[in-house]
Amino acid sequence: MSETTQPLYGAAAREVGMTVREAATPSEAKSAALLAFEAECNALEALSMKREEWRYLDAKLTALLQRQFEGDDSELTRQRVSRLEALQACLCGSPEALAQEQPPRPRHRA
């Protein structure tokens, strides 16, 4: 049939709040379909950005943990590791991990 009988699914249907079939006019149906498509694209883009951020954090954390394994026991490295672990926990859905993070102590420059 035509595009006006296509139901919306998933996050797109929740965001738009109706199916294309429920639209009163073809213009509303097209608008609802475009909103649904836009919502789906936004969700995919957000997921892609989250994955990219995870890969970046994981690479930095792996490098820092390797430095610790090789004997770097400086406080700055420990702070960086704990900060990256808190950011990863935040990406996993625990934003309170950032609140538990201790602020870094000020460093004195000579």
C-alpha atoms as a PDB file:
ATOM      1  CA  MET A   1       0.000   0.000   0.000  1.00  0.00           C
ATOM      2  CA  SER A   2       1.068   3.604   0.334  1.00  0.00           C
ATOM      3  CA  GLU A   3       3.431   5.064   2.888  1.00  0.00           C
ATOM      4  CA  THR A   4       0.487   6.378   4.889  1.00  0.00           C
ATOM      5  CA  THR A   5      -0.279   2.847   6.112  1.00  0.00           C
ATOM      6  CA  GLN A   6       3.222   2.177   7.430  1.00  0.00           C
ATOM      7  CA  PRO A   7       3.398   1.953  11.248  1.00  0.00           C
ATOM      8  CA  LEU A   8       6.224   3.584  13.146  1.00  0.00           C
ATOM      9  CA  TYR A   9       8.308   1.382  15.398  1.00  0.00           C
ATOM     10  CA  GLY A  10      10.578   1.656  18.413  1.00  0.00           C
ATOM     11  CA  ALA A  11      11.964   4.948  19.627  1.00  0.00           C
ATOM     12  CA  ALA A  12      10.578   6.738  16.610  1.00  0.00           C
ATOM     13  CA  ALA A  13       6.999   5.810  17.511  1.00  0.00           C
ATOM     14  CA  ARG A  14       7.527   6.832  21.114  1.00  0.00           C
ATOM     15  CA  GLU A  15       8.949  10.208  20.117  1.00  0.00           C
ATOM     16  CA  VAL A  16       6.309  11.001  17.528  1.00  0.00           C
ATOM     17  CA  GLY A  17       3.502   9.464  19.572  1.00  0.00           C
ATOM     18  CA  MET A  18       1.480   8.175  16.641  1.00  0.00           C
ATOM     19  CA  THR A  19       1.633   5.961  13.610  1.00  0.00           C
ATOM     20  CA  VAL A  20       1.546   7.268  10.097  1.00  0.00           C
ATOM     21  CA  ARG A  21      -1.827   5.548   9.791  1.00  0.00           C
ATOM     22  CA  GLU A  22      -3.242   7.775  12.560  1.00  0.00           C
ATOM     23  CA  ALA A  23      -2.335  10.967  10.703  1.00  0.00           C
ATOM     24  CA  ALA A  24      -5.332  12.861   9.372  1.00  0.00           C
ATOM     25  CA  THR A  25      -3.775  14.083   6.128  1.00  0.00           C
ATOM     26  CA  PRO A  26      -1.015  12.871   3.828  1.00  0.00           C
ATOM     27  CA  SER A  27       0.979  15.939   4.843  1.00  0.00           C
ATOM     28  CA  GLU A  28       0.737  14.962   8.516  1.00  0.00           C
ATOM     29  CA  ALA A  29       1.649  11.396   7.628  1.00  0.00           C
ATOM     30  CA  LYS A  30       4.737  12.548   5.758  1.00  0.00           C
ATOM     31  CA  SER A  31       5.654  14.860   8.620  1.00  0.00           C
ATOM     32  CA  ALA A  32       5.237  12.032  11.150  1.00  0.00           C
ATOM     33  CA  ALA A  33       7.363   9.727   9.008  1.00  0.00           C
ATOM     34  CA  LEU A  34      10.098  12.361   8.727  1.00  0.00           C
ATOM     35  CA  LEU A  35      10.034  12.959  12.479  1.00  0.00           C
ATOM     36  CA  ALA A  36      10.284   9.225  13.061  1.00  0.00           C
ATOM     37  CA  PHE A  37      13.210   8.926  10.667  1.00  0.00           C
ATOM     38  CA  GLU A  38      14.945  11.890  12.307  1.00  0.00           C
ATOM     39  CA  ALA A  39      14.447  10.391  15.771  1.00  0.00           C
ATOM     40  CA  GLU A  40      15.888   7.078  14.605  1.00  0.00           C
ATOM     41  CA  CYS A  41      18.895   8.817  13.038  1.00  0.00           C
ATOM     42  CA  ASN A  42      19.497  10.806  16.226  1.00  0.00           C
ATOM     43  CA  ALA A  43      19.391   7.629  18.308  1.00  0.00           C
ATOM     44  CA  LEU A  44      21.860   5.885  15.988  1.00  0.00           C
ATOM     45  CA  GLU A  45      24.171   8.899  15.983  1.00  0.00           C
ATOM     46  CA  ALA A  46      24.116   9.056  19.785  1.00  0.00           C
ATOM     47  CA  LEU A  47      24.952   5.356  19.984  1.00  0.00           C
ATOM     48  CA  SER A  48      27.777   5.784  17.488  1.00  0.00           C
ATOM     49  CA  MET A  49      29.214   8.719  19.437  1.00  0.00           C
ATOM     50  CA  LYS A  50      28.978   6.736  22.680  1.00  0.00           C
ATOM     51  CA  ARG A  51      30.887   3.832  21.117  1.00  0.00           C
ATOM     52  CA  GLU A  52      33.549   6.181  19.766  1.00  0.00           C
ATOM     53  CA  GLU A  53      33.938   7.812  23.179  1.00  0.00           C
ATOM     54  CA  TRP A  54      34.233   4.353  24.789  1.00  0.00           C
ATOM     55  CA  ARG A  55      36.987   3.315  22.368  1.00  0.00           C
ATOM     56  CA  TYR A  56      38.896   6.537  23.051  1.00  0.00           C
ATOM     57  CA  LEU A  57      38.625   6.144  26.833  1.00  0.00           C
ATOM     58  CA  ASP A  58      39.543   2.466  26.625  1.00  0.00           C
ATOM     59  CA  ALA A  59      42.689   3.192  24.612  1.00  0.00           C
ATOM     60  CA  LYS A  60      43.823   5.888  27.053  1.00  0.00           C
ATOM     61  CA  LEU A  61      43.026   3.713  30.066  1.00  0.00           C
ATOM     62  CA  THR A  62      44.878   0.744  28.584  1.00  0.00           C
ATOM     63  CA  ALA A  63      47.962   2.904  28.007  1.00  0.00           C
ATOM     64  CA  LEU A  64      47.861   4.247  31.564  1.00  0.00           C
ATOM     65  CA  LEU A  65      47.388   0.785  33.055  1.00  0.00           C
ATOM     66  CA  GLN A  66      50.340  -0.431  30.994  1.00  0.00           C
ATOM     67  CA  ARG A  67      52.439   2.402  32.438  1.00  0.00           C
ATOM     68  CA  GLN A  68      51.361   1.388  35.946  1.00  0.00           C
ATOM     69  CA  PHE A  69      52.238  -2.231  35.207  1.00  0.00           C
ATOM     70  CA  GLU A  70      55.694  -1.108  34.082  1.00  0.00           C
ATOM     71  CA  GLY A  71      56.269   0.643  37.403  1.00  0.00           C
ATOM     72  CA  ASP A  72      54.778   4.144  37.141  1.00  0.00           C
ATOM     73  CA  ASP A  73      53.283   4.619  40.594  1.00  0.00           C
ATOM     74  CA  SER A  74      52.848   8.389  40.475  1.00  0.00           C
ATOM     75  CA  GLU A  75      49.782   9.985  41.996  1.00  0.00           C
ATOM     76  CA  LEU A  76      48.967  11.757  38.738  1.00  0.00           C
ATOM     77  CA  THR A  77      48.742   8.432  36.896  1.00  0.00           C
ATOM     78  CA  ARG A  78      46.491   7.006  39.622  1.00  0.00           C
ATOM     79  CA  GLN A  79      44.243  10.079  39.360  1.00  0.00           C
ATOM     80  CA  ARG A  80      44.028   9.758  35.591  1.00  0.00           C
ATOM     81  CA  VAL A  81      43.173   6.064  35.835  1.00  0.00           C
ATOM     82  CA  SER A  82      40.436   6.675  38.392  1.00  0.00           C
ATOM     83  CA  ARG A  83      39.036   9.550  36.312  1.00  0.00           C
ATOM     84  CA  LEU A  84      38.894   7.445  33.145  1.00  0.00           C
ATOM     85  CA  GLU A  85      37.279   4.573  35.046  1.00  0.00           C
ATOM     86  CA  ALA A  86      34.659   7.008  36.387  1.00  0.00           C
ATOM     87  CA  LEU A  87      33.986   8.282  32.855  1.00  0.00           C
ATOM     88  CA  GLN A  88      33.543   4.718  31.629  1.00  0.00           C
ATOM     89  CA  ALA A  89      31.132   4.008  34.483  1.00  0.00           C
ATOM     90  CA  CYS A  90      29.231   7.134  33.482  1.00  0.00           C
ATOM     91  CA  LEU A  91      28.972   5.870  29.900  1.00  0.00           C
ATOM     92  CA  CYS A  92      27.609   2.597  31.278  1.00  0.00           C
ATOM     93  CA  GLY A  93      24.827   4.474  33.043  1.00  0.00           C
ATOM     94  CA  SER A  94      26.275   5.373  36.438  1.00  0.00           C
ATOM     95  CA  PRO A  95      26.714   9.165  36.453  1.00  0.00           C
ATOM     96  CA  GLU A  96      27.137   9.116  40.233  1.00  0.00           C
ATOM     97  CA  ALA A  97      30.606   7.656  39.626  1.00  0.00           C
ATOM     98  CA  LEU A  98      31.756  11.113  38.563  1.00  0.00           C
ATOM     99  CA  ALA A  99      30.382  12.625  41.768  1.00  0.00           C
ATOM    100  CA  GLN A 100      32.394  10.147  43.833  1.00  0.00           C
ATOM    101  CA  GLU A 101      35.569  11.108  42.022  1.00  0.00           C
ATOM    102  CA  GLN A 102      37.926  13.137  44.200  1.00  0.00           C
ATOM    103  CA  PRO A 103      38.958  16.459  42.660  1.00  0.00           C
ATOM    104  CA  PRO A 104      42.641  16.604  41.789  1.00  0.00           C
ATOM    105  CA  ARG A 105      44.874  18.416  44.219  1.00  0.00           C
ATOM    106  CA  PRO A 106      46.386  21.633  42.882  1.00  0.00           C
ATOM    107  CA  ARG A 107      49.892  21.201  41.574  1.00  0.00           C
ATOM    108  CA  HIS A 108      52.523  23.763  42.427  1.00  0.00           C
ATOM    109  CA  ARG A 109      54.637  25.030  39.613  1.00  0.00           C
ATOM    110  CA  ALA A 110      58.222  25.993  40.305  1.00  0.00           C
END
